[in-house]
């Protein structure tokens, strides 16, 4: 049995600033029976913010794990976090992305329409373990001066024995993806209160055809898919979760895989 430390880093959206040290990088080591990782934190405050007049000084607050002797897993974590802020610039690391974000914020502040609006980039990582399966949930919030900010939730599924990321095709029997989509659509329509024959015109699916995305987490209950804001619905509708219970797709899954301990194979 693989035992990992379960942690949840709670990030306040706008913590008070520390003008004496606006940029901080900290680490706290965590050791378990089978893995060692550090909790890395990157914090940036508005250098011109006066904490005596405003509590909204924090611009960036990111915390994420860095695993010892697991470069592939660390690359996966870094790549996922970097997707929070996408621009024409290609960043080499989370730190580089943060510096790019701060540079864009300084440019924004020079705009006559700035109106004291403050950028925000916040991300926390939750690590979930289940025997030989490691799941990471990356929860993020970003605001870049528009009408409102946006949230992004992303997942990483990691095989702790094979030391590799697990995809849906790794656990499905050959040629079963279309069958998975059929089951998923039936669940989606039931959740949304839509009949099997109704068109999906009110959603943002291409050609009004249901499709699974690539944002999913293997949980104890089933495969949890998550559509982020704007992905298939307007911002006001928020995120959409879709749980596919293992019982409904056992005949589609390989009897031996990194998730086979989560269900009883047919």
C-alpha atoms as a PDB file:
ATOM      1  CA  UNK A   1       0.000   0.000   0.000  1.00  0.00           C
ATOM      2  CA  UNK A   2       1.400   3.346  -1.010  1.00  0.00           C
ATOM      3  CA  UNK A   3       0.942   6.028   1.612  1.00  0.00           C
ATOM      4  CA  UNK A   4       1.210   9.662   0.750  1.00  0.00           C
ATOM      5  CA  UNK A   5       0.630  12.733   2.812  1.00  0.00           C
ATOM      6  CA  UNK A   6      -2.700  14.373   2.001  1.00  0.00           C
ATOM      7  CA  UNK A   7      -2.586  18.083   2.044  1.00  0.00           C
ATOM      8  CA  UNK A   8      -4.770  21.015   1.095  1.00  0.00           C
ATOM      9  CA  UNK A   9      -3.340  24.451   0.804  1.00  0.00           C
ATOM     10  CA  UNK A  10      -6.005  27.065   1.329  1.00  0.00           C
ATOM     11  CA  UNK A  11      -5.243  30.303  -0.528  1.00  0.00           C
ATOM     12  CA  UNK A  12      -6.990  33.534   0.429  1.00  0.00           C
ATOM     13  CA  UNK A  13      -7.955  35.561  -2.630  1.00  0.00           C
ATOM     14  CA  UNK A  14      -6.444  38.835  -1.401  1.00  0.00           C
ATOM     15  CA  UNK A  15      -4.202  38.452   1.647  1.00  0.00           C
ATOM     16  CA  UNK A  16      -2.541  41.498   3.189  1.00  0.00           C
ATOM     17  CA  UNK A  17       0.736  42.510   1.580  1.00  0.00           C
ATOM     18  CA  UNK A  18       4.248  42.492   3.022  1.00  0.00           C
ATOM     19  CA  UNK A  19       5.923  45.624   1.683  1.00  0.00           C
ATOM     20  CA  UNK A  20       9.292  44.738   3.180  1.00  0.00           C
ATOM     21  CA  UNK A  21       9.452  41.554   1.151  1.00  0.00           C
ATOM     22  CA  UNK A  22       7.093  41.696  -1.834  1.00  0.00           C
ATOM     23  CA  UNK A  23       8.532  38.591  -3.489  1.00  0.00           C
ATOM     24  CA  UNK A  24       8.747  35.348  -1.557  1.00  0.00           C
ATOM     25  CA  UNK A  25       9.674  31.768  -2.446  1.00  0.00           C
ATOM     26  CA  UNK A  26       9.320  29.254   0.347  1.00  0.00           C
ATOM     27  CA  UNK A  27       9.511  25.489   0.753  1.00  0.00           C
ATOM     28  CA  UNK A  28       8.332  23.066   3.434  1.00  0.00           C
ATOM     29  CA  UNK A  29       9.541  19.503   3.104  1.00  0.00           C
ATOM     30  CA  UNK A  30       7.110  16.632   3.499  1.00  0.00           C
ATOM     31  CA  UNK A  31       8.345  13.065   3.872  1.00  0.00           C
ATOM     32  CA  UNK A  32       6.269   9.889   3.722  1.00  0.00           C
ATOM     33  CA  UNK A  33       7.006   6.173   3.478  1.00  0.00           C
ATOM     34  CA  UNK A  34       7.222   6.238  -0.307  1.00  0.00           C
ATOM     35  CA  UNK A  35       7.656   9.839  -1.460  1.00  0.00           C
ATOM     36  CA  UNK A  36       9.326  13.076  -0.512  1.00  0.00           C
ATOM     37  CA  UNK A  37       8.134  16.391  -1.848  1.00  0.00           C
ATOM     38  CA  UNK A  38       8.323  20.061  -0.992  1.00  0.00           C
ATOM     39  CA  UNK A  39       5.507  22.577  -0.911  1.00  0.00           C
ATOM     40  CA  UNK A  40       6.692  25.510  -2.998  1.00  0.00           C
ATOM     41  CA  UNK A  41       5.051  28.887  -2.693  1.00  0.00           C
ATOM     42  CA  UNK A  42       5.413  31.874  -5.020  1.00  0.00           C
ATOM     43  CA  UNK A  43       4.001  35.170  -3.768  1.00  0.00           C
ATOM     44  CA  UNK A  44       3.989  38.585  -5.434  1.00  0.00           C
ATOM     45  CA  UNK A  45       2.529  41.795  -4.014  1.00  0.00           C
ATOM     46  CA  UNK A  46       1.854  45.132  -5.671  1.00  0.00           C
ATOM     47  CA  UNK A  47       5.046  47.049  -4.890  1.00  0.00           C
ATOM     48  CA  UNK A  48       3.110  50.333  -4.759  1.00  0.00           C
ATOM     49  CA  UNK A  49       0.385  48.980  -2.492  1.00  0.00           C
ATOM     50  CA  UNK A  50      -0.002  50.592   0.931  1.00  0.00           C
ATOM     51  CA  UNK A  51      -1.292  47.942   3.320  1.00  0.00           C
ATOM     52  CA  UNK A  52      -2.382  50.641   5.759  1.00  0.00           C
ATOM     53  CA  UNK A  53      -4.900  51.874   3.191  1.00  0.00           C
ATOM     54  CA  UNK A  54      -5.828  48.659   1.387  1.00  0.00           C
ATOM     55  CA  UNK A  55      -5.845  44.936   2.087  1.00  0.00           C
ATOM     56  CA  UNK A  56      -5.856  44.106  -1.640  1.00  0.00           C
ATOM     57  CA  UNK A  57      -2.096  44.037  -2.105  1.00  0.00           C
ATOM     58  CA  UNK A  58      -1.579  40.408  -3.080  1.00  0.00           C
ATOM     59  CA  UNK A  59      -1.210  39.821  -6.832  1.00  0.00           C
ATOM     60  CA  UNK A  60       0.116  36.261  -7.012  1.00  0.00           C
ATOM     61  CA  UNK A  61      -0.281  33.421  -4.532  1.00  0.00           C
ATOM     62  CA  UNK A  62       0.654  29.986  -5.906  1.00  0.00           C
ATOM     63  CA  UNK A  63       1.420  26.854  -3.916  1.00  0.00           C
ATOM     64  CA  UNK A  64       2.289  23.519  -5.472  1.00  0.00           C
ATOM     65  CA  UNK A  65       4.222  20.319  -4.665  1.00  0.00           C
ATOM     66  CA  UNK A  66       7.648  19.485  -6.029  1.00  0.00           C
ATOM     67  CA  UNK A  67       8.405  15.758  -5.769  1.00  0.00           C
ATOM     68  CA  UNK A  68      11.914  14.498  -5.091  1.00  0.00           C
ATOM     69  CA  UNK A  69      13.503  12.381  -7.842  1.00  0.00           C
ATOM     70  CA  UNK A  70      10.363  12.494 -10.010  1.00  0.00           C
ATOM     71  CA  UNK A  71      11.131  14.939 -12.838  1.00  0.00           C
ATOM     72  CA  UNK A  72       8.336  13.661 -15.093  1.00  0.00           C
ATOM     73  CA  UNK A  73       5.704  14.254 -12.423  1.00  0.00           C
ATOM     74  CA  UNK A  74       7.110  17.693 -11.619  1.00  0.00           C
ATOM     75  CA  UNK A  75       7.027  18.585 -15.325  1.00  0.00           C
ATOM     76  CA  UNK A  76       3.362  17.557 -15.440  1.00  0.00           C
ATOM     77  CA  UNK A  77       2.531  19.738 -12.430  1.00  0.00           C
ATOM     78  CA  UNK A  78       4.419  22.724 -13.855  1.00  0.00           C
ATOM     79  CA  UNK A  79       2.828  22.364 -17.280  1.00  0.00           C
ATOM     80  CA  UNK A  80      -0.658  22.214 -15.805  1.00  0.00           C
ATOM     81  CA  UNK A  81      -0.137  25.311 -13.649  1.00  0.00           C
ATOM     82  CA  UNK A  82       1.302  27.242 -16.584  1.00  0.00           C
ATOM     83  CA  UNK A  83      -1.982  26.734 -18.449  1.00  0.00           C
ATOM     84  CA  UNK A  84      -3.634  29.092 -15.979  1.00  0.00           C
ATOM     85  CA  UNK A  85      -2.163  32.119 -17.764  1.00  0.00           C
ATOM     86  CA  UNK A  86      -1.797  31.607 -21.493  1.00  0.00           C
ATOM     87  CA  UNK A  87      -0.308  34.286 -23.738  1.00  0.00           C
ATOM     88  CA  UNK A  88       1.719  34.371 -26.935  1.00  0.00           C
ATOM     89  CA  UNK A  89       4.813  33.989 -24.743  1.00  0.00           C
ATOM     90  CA  UNK A  90       6.026  30.470 -23.988  1.00  0.00           C
ATOM     91  CA  UNK A  91       7.229  30.134 -20.394  1.00  0.00           C
ATOM     92  CA  UNK A  92       9.852  27.672 -19.178  1.00  0.00           C
ATOM     93  CA  UNK A  93       8.598  27.441 -15.589  1.00  0.00           C
ATOM     94  CA  UNK A  94       5.920  28.592 -13.165  1.00  0.00           C
ATOM     95  CA  UNK A  95       8.295  31.307 -11.925  1.00  0.00           C
ATOM     96  CA  UNK A  96       8.748  32.580 -15.484  1.00  0.00           C
ATOM     97  CA  UNK A  97       4.977  32.651 -15.941  1.00  0.00           C
ATOM     98  CA  UNK A  98       4.585  34.670 -12.752  1.00  0.00           C
ATOM     99  CA  UNK A  99       7.172  37.212 -13.906  1.00  0.00           C
ATOM    100  CA  UNK A 100       5.349  37.514 -17.219  1.00  0.00           C
ATOM    101  CA  UNK A 101       2.054  38.005 -15.393  1.00  0.00           C
ATOM    102  CA  UNK A 102       3.555  40.747 -13.207  1.00  0.00           C
ATOM    103  CA  UNK A 103       5.087  42.485 -16.246  1.00  0.00           C
ATOM    104  CA  UNK A 104       1.665  42.493 -17.929  1.00  0.00           C
ATOM    105  CA  UNK A 105       0.126  43.876 -14.735  1.00  0.00           C
ATOM    106  CA  UNK A 106       2.618  46.752 -14.651  1.00  0.00           C
ATOM    107  CA  UNK A 107       1.736  47.554 -18.260  1.00  0.00           C
ATOM    108  CA  UNK A 108      -1.960  47.445 -17.356  1.00  0.00           C
ATOM    109  CA  UNK A 109      -1.389  49.855 -14.463  1.00  0.00           C
ATOM    110  CA  UNK A 110       0.030  52.455 -16.864  1.00  0.00           C
ATOM    111  CA  UNK A 111      -3.225  52.474 -18.852  1.00  0.00           C
ATOM    112  CA  UNK A 112      -5.416  55.580 -18.252  1.00  0.00           C
ATOM    113  CA  UNK A 113      -8.375  53.253 -17.664  1.00  0.00           C
ATOM    114  CA  UNK A 114      -6.558  51.371 -14.893  1.00  0.00           C
ATOM    115  CA  UNK A 115      -8.982  52.634 -12.193  1.00  0.00           C
ATOM    116  CA  UNK A 116      -7.015  50.929  -9.399  1.00  0.00           C
ATOM    117  CA  UNK A 117      -8.053  47.456 -10.534  1.00  0.00           C
ATOM    118  CA  UNK A 118      -5.569  44.825  -9.314  1.00  0.00           C
ATOM    119  CA  UNK A 119      -4.650  41.664 -11.183  1.00  0.00           C
ATOM    120  CA  UNK A 120      -4.898  38.377  -9.329  1.00  0.00           C
ATOM    121  CA  UNK A 121      -3.370  34.946  -9.972  1.00  0.00           C
ATOM    122  CA  UNK A 122      -4.055  32.322  -7.300  1.00  0.00           C
ATOM    123  CA  UNK A 123      -3.528  28.577  -7.409  1.00  0.00           C
ATOM    124  CA  UNK A 124      -3.572  25.775  -4.853  1.00  0.00           C
ATOM    125  CA  UNK A 125      -2.931  22.073  -5.304  1.00  0.00           C
ATOM    126  CA  UNK A 126      -4.674  19.208  -3.559  1.00  0.00           C
ATOM    127  CA  UNK A 127      -3.050  15.768  -3.588  1.00  0.00           C
ATOM    128  CA  UNK A 128      -5.307  12.725  -3.315  1.00  0.00           C
ATOM    129  CA  UNK A 129      -4.057   9.167  -3.013  1.00  0.00           C
ATOM    130  CA  UNK A 130      -5.725   5.818  -3.491  1.00  0.00           C
ATOM    131  CA  UNK A 131      -3.374   2.847  -3.236  1.00  0.00           C
ATOM    132  CA  UNK A 132      -1.076   2.996  -6.290  1.00  0.00           C
ATOM    133  CA  UNK A 133      -2.907   5.949  -7.833  1.00  0.00           C
ATOM    134  CA  UNK A 134      -1.967   9.562  -7.191  1.00  0.00           C
ATOM    135  CA  UNK A 135      -4.382  12.305  -8.149  1.00  0.00           C
ATOM    136  CA  UNK A 136      -3.652  16.030  -8.168  1.00  0.00           C
ATOM    137  CA  UNK A 137      -6.328  18.698  -8.338  1.00  0.00           C
ATOM    138  CA  UNK A 138      -5.129  22.167  -9.304  1.00  0.00           C
ATOM    139  CA  UNK A 139      -7.631  24.887  -8.405  1.00  0.00           C
ATOM    140  CA  UNK A 140      -6.918  28.357  -9.745  1.00  0.00           C
ATOM    141  CA  UNK A 141      -8.375  31.825 -10.014  1.00  0.00           C
ATOM    142  CA  UNK A 142      -7.257  34.581 -12.381  1.00  0.00           C
ATOM    143  CA  UNK A 143      -8.321  38.192 -12.864  1.00  0.00           C
ATOM    144  CA  UNK A 144      -6.793  40.466 -15.499  1.00  0.00           C
ATOM    145  CA  UNK A 145      -8.860  43.627 -15.267  1.00  0.00           C
ATOM    146  CA  UNK A 146     -12.036  42.553 -17.045  1.00  0.00           C
ATOM    147  CA  UNK A 147     -15.633  42.425 -15.889  1.00  0.00           C
ATOM    148  CA  UNK A 148     -14.912  39.426 -13.684  1.00  0.00           C
ATOM    149  CA  UNK A 149     -12.277  36.831 -12.965  1.00  0.00           C
ATOM    150  CA  UNK A 150     -12.304  33.192 -13.897  1.00  0.00           C
ATOM    151  CA  UNK A 151     -11.606  29.880 -12.210  1.00  0.00           C
ATOM    152  CA  UNK A 152      -9.834  26.845 -13.631  1.00  0.00           C
ATOM    153  CA  UNK A 153      -9.736  23.338 -12.194  1.00  0.00           C
ATOM    154  CA  UNK A 154      -7.345  20.835 -13.738  1.00  0.00           C
ATOM    155  CA  UNK A 155      -6.335  17.265 -12.899  1.00  0.00           C
ATOM    156  CA  UNK A 156      -3.319  14.992 -13.077  1.00  0.00           C
ATOM    157  CA  UNK A 157      -3.641  11.208 -12.720  1.00  0.00           C
ATOM    158  CA  UNK A 158      -0.340   9.546 -11.826  1.00  0.00           C
ATOM    159  CA  UNK A 159       0.647   5.878 -11.704  1.00  0.00           C
ATOM    160  CA  UNK A 160       2.991   5.684  -8.711  1.00  0.00           C
ATOM    161  CA  UNK A 161       4.360   2.292  -9.742  1.00  0.00           C
ATOM    162  CA  UNK A 162       4.900   3.045 -13.414  1.00  0.00           C
ATOM    163  CA  UNK A 163       5.859   6.670 -12.642  1.00  0.00           C
ATOM    164  CA  UNK A 164       3.814   8.010 -15.527  1.00  0.00           C
ATOM    165  CA  UNK A 165       0.662   9.961 -16.180  1.00  0.00           C
ATOM    166  CA  UNK A 166      -2.442   7.868 -16.842  1.00  0.00           C
ATOM    167  CA  UNK A 167      -4.776   8.691 -19.708  1.00  0.00           C
ATOM    168  CA  UNK A 168      -8.288   7.438 -20.351  1.00  0.00           C
ATOM    169  CA  UNK A 169      -6.982   5.241 -23.162  1.00  0.00           C
ATOM    170  CA  UNK A 170      -4.655   3.508 -20.709  1.00  0.00           C
ATOM    171  CA  UNK A 171      -7.626   2.115 -18.786  1.00  0.00           C
ATOM    172  CA  UNK A 172     -10.112   1.473 -21.609  1.00  0.00           C
ATOM    173  CA  UNK A 173     -10.249  -1.710 -23.629  1.00  0.00           C
ATOM    174  CA  UNK A 174      -9.357  -1.195 -27.327  1.00  0.00           C
ATOM    175  CA  UNK A 175     -11.945   0.684 -29.421  1.00  0.00           C
ATOM    176  CA  UNK A 176     -14.155   1.480 -26.432  1.00  0.00           C
ATOM    177  CA  UNK A 177     -13.868   5.265 -26.342  1.00  0.00           C
ATOM    178  CA  UNK A 178     -16.986   5.831 -28.452  1.00  0.00           C
ATOM    179  CA  UNK A 179     -18.931   3.555 -26.112  1.00  0.00           C
ATOM    180  CA  UNK A 180     -17.666   5.600 -23.167  1.00  0.00           C
ATOM    181  CA  UNK A 181     -18.953   8.755 -24.833  1.00  0.00           C
ATOM    182  CA  UNK A 182     -22.401   7.189 -25.298  1.00  0.00           C
ATOM    183  CA  UNK A 183     -22.619   6.338 -21.585  1.00  0.00           C
ATOM    184  CA  UNK A 184     -21.323   9.800 -20.643  1.00  0.00           C
ATOM    185  CA  UNK A 185     -23.840  11.582 -22.854  1.00  0.00           C
ATOM    186  CA  UNK A 186     -26.726   9.639 -21.325  1.00  0.00           C
ATOM    187  CA  UNK A 187     -25.560  10.692 -17.850  1.00  0.00           C
ATOM    188  CA  UNK A 188     -25.049  14.283 -19.000  1.00  0.00           C
ATOM    189  CA  UNK A 189     -28.552  14.497 -20.469  1.00  0.00           C
ATOM    190  CA  UNK A 190     -30.074  13.047 -17.304  1.00  0.00           C
ATOM    191  CA  UNK A 191     -28.145  15.501 -15.117  1.00  0.00           C
ATOM    192  CA  UNK A 192     -29.203  18.429 -17.291  1.00  0.00           C
ATOM    193  CA  UNK A 193     -32.831  17.308 -17.601  1.00  0.00           C
ATOM    194  CA  UNK A 194     -32.617  16.843 -21.383  1.00  0.00           C
ATOM    195  CA  UNK A 195     -34.397  14.088 -23.270  1.00  0.00           C
ATOM    196  CA  UNK A 196     -32.359  11.631 -25.410  1.00  0.00           C
ATOM    197  CA  UNK A 197     -33.590  13.296 -28.593  1.00  0.00           C
ATOM    198  CA  UNK A 198     -33.304  16.993 -27.707  1.00  0.00           C
ATOM    199  CA  UNK A 199     -30.639  19.018 -29.489  1.00  0.00           C
ATOM    200  CA  UNK A 200     -27.784  20.472 -27.452  1.00  0.00           C
ATOM    201  CA  UNK A 201     -28.038  23.954 -28.953  1.00  0.00           C
ATOM    202  CA  UNK A 202     -27.843  25.728 -25.596  1.00  0.00           C
ATOM    203  CA  UNK A 203     -24.326  24.388 -25.015  1.00  0.00           C
ATOM    204  CA  UNK A 204     -21.014  25.235 -26.647  1.00  0.00           C
ATOM    205  CA  UNK A 205     -20.385  21.785 -28.121  1.00  0.00           C
ATOM    206  CA  UNK A 206     -19.096  21.910 -31.699  1.00  0.00           C
ATOM    207  CA  UNK A 207     -21.914  21.124 -34.150  1.00  0.00           C
ATOM    208  CA  UNK A 208     -24.165  20.632 -31.083  1.00  0.00           C
ATOM    209  CA  UNK A 209     -22.642  17.182 -30.522  1.00  0.00           C
ATOM    210  CA  UNK A 210     -21.731  16.036 -27.041  1.00  0.00           C
ATOM    211  CA  UNK A 211     -18.060  15.306 -26.485  1.00  0.00           C
ATOM    212  CA  UNK A 212     -15.962  14.480 -23.451  1.00  0.00           C
ATOM    213  CA  UNK A 213     -13.027  16.768 -22.760  1.00  0.00           C
ATOM    214  CA  UNK A 214      -9.579  15.776 -21.471  1.00  0.00           C
ATOM    215  CA  UNK A 215     -10.047  17.130 -17.955  1.00  0.00           C
ATOM    216  CA  UNK A 216     -10.826  14.187 -15.688  1.00  0.00           C
ATOM    217  CA  UNK A 217      -9.867  12.528 -12.413  1.00  0.00           C
ATOM    218  CA  UNK A 218     -10.030   8.854 -11.495  1.00  0.00           C
ATOM    219  CA  UNK A 219     -11.843   8.785  -8.138  1.00  0.00           C
ATOM    220  CA  UNK A 220     -13.113   6.018  -5.859  1.00  0.00           C
ATOM    221  CA  UNK A 221     -16.643   6.499  -7.209  1.00  0.00           C
ATOM    222  CA  UNK A 222     -15.874   6.743 -10.911  1.00  0.00           C
ATOM    223  CA  UNK A 223     -14.286   8.944 -13.571  1.00  0.00           C
ATOM    224  CA  UNK A 224     -15.032  12.587 -12.806  1.00  0.00           C
ATOM    225  CA  UNK A 225     -14.996  14.908 -15.805  1.00  0.00           C
ATOM    226  CA  UNK A 226     -15.065  18.646 -15.313  1.00  0.00           C
ATOM    227  CA  UNK A 227     -15.892  21.365 -17.838  1.00  0.00           C
ATOM    228  CA  UNK A 228     -14.531  24.732 -16.725  1.00  0.00           C
ATOM    229  CA  UNK A 229     -16.267  28.089 -17.091  1.00  0.00           C
ATOM    230  CA  UNK A 230     -17.005  29.093 -20.706  1.00  0.00           C
ATOM    231  CA  UNK A 231     -16.142  25.583 -21.931  1.00  0.00           C
ATOM    232  CA  UNK A 232     -19.684  24.359 -22.609  1.00  0.00           C
ATOM    233  CA  UNK A 233     -21.805  26.995 -20.825  1.00  0.00           C
ATOM    234  CA  UNK A 234     -21.808  30.757 -20.209  1.00  0.00           C
ATOM    235  CA  UNK A 235     -19.789  32.167 -17.321  1.00  0.00           C
ATOM    236  CA  UNK A 236     -22.942  32.620 -15.237  1.00  0.00           C
ATOM    237  CA  UNK A 237     -23.560  28.854 -15.311  1.00  0.00           C
ATOM    238  CA  UNK A 238     -20.177  28.066 -13.759  1.00  0.00           C
ATOM    239  CA  UNK A 239     -18.450  24.698 -14.006  1.00  0.00           C
ATOM    240  CA  UNK A 240     -20.101  21.415 -14.968  1.00  0.00           C
ATOM    241  CA  UNK A 241     -19.148  18.109 -13.344  1.00  0.00           C
ATOM    242  CA  UNK A 242     -19.920  14.758 -14.890  1.00  0.00           C
ATOM    243  CA  UNK A 243     -19.311  11.583 -12.871  1.00  0.00           C
ATOM    244  CA  UNK A 244     -19.277   8.270 -14.739  1.00  0.00           C
ATOM    245  CA  UNK A 245     -19.638   5.483 -12.143  1.00  0.00           C
ATOM    246  CA  UNK A 246     -17.426   2.462 -12.674  1.00  0.00           C
ATOM    247  CA  UNK A 247     -20.492   0.218 -12.445  1.00  0.00           C
ATOM    248  CA  UNK A 248     -21.825   1.777 -15.650  1.00  0.00           C
ATOM    249  CA  UNK A 249     -18.639   1.138 -17.664  1.00  0.00           C
ATOM    250  CA  UNK A 250     -17.034  -1.948 -16.107  1.00  0.00           C
ATOM    251  CA  UNK A 251     -17.366  -3.836 -19.388  1.00  0.00           C
ATOM    252  CA  UNK A 252     -15.384  -1.046 -21.123  1.00  0.00           C
ATOM    253  CA  UNK A 253     -12.438  -1.058 -18.721  1.00  0.00           C
ATOM    254  CA  UNK A 254      -9.335  -3.213 -18.780  1.00  0.00           C
ATOM    255  CA  UNK A 255      -9.359  -5.767 -15.952  1.00  0.00           C
ATOM    256  CA  UNK A 256      -5.736  -4.915 -15.181  1.00  0.00           C
ATOM    257  CA  UNK A 257      -4.686  -1.265 -15.112  1.00  0.00           C
ATOM    258  CA  UNK A 258      -3.592   1.456 -12.714  1.00  0.00           C
ATOM    259  CA  UNK A 259      -7.238   1.958 -11.666  1.00  0.00           C
ATOM    260  CA  UNK A 260      -8.434  -1.662 -11.623  1.00  0.00           C
ATOM    261  CA  UNK A 261      -8.311  -1.722  -7.812  1.00  0.00           C
ATOM    262  CA  UNK A 262     -11.124   0.867  -7.831  1.00  0.00           C
ATOM    263  CA  UNK A 263     -13.754  -1.390  -9.390  1.00  0.00           C
ATOM    264  CA  UNK A 264     -14.741  -5.037  -9.692  1.00  0.00           C
ATOM    265  CA  UNK A 265     -13.951  -6.147 -13.238  1.00  0.00           C
ATOM    266  CA  UNK A 266     -16.437  -8.209 -15.236  1.00  0.00           C
END
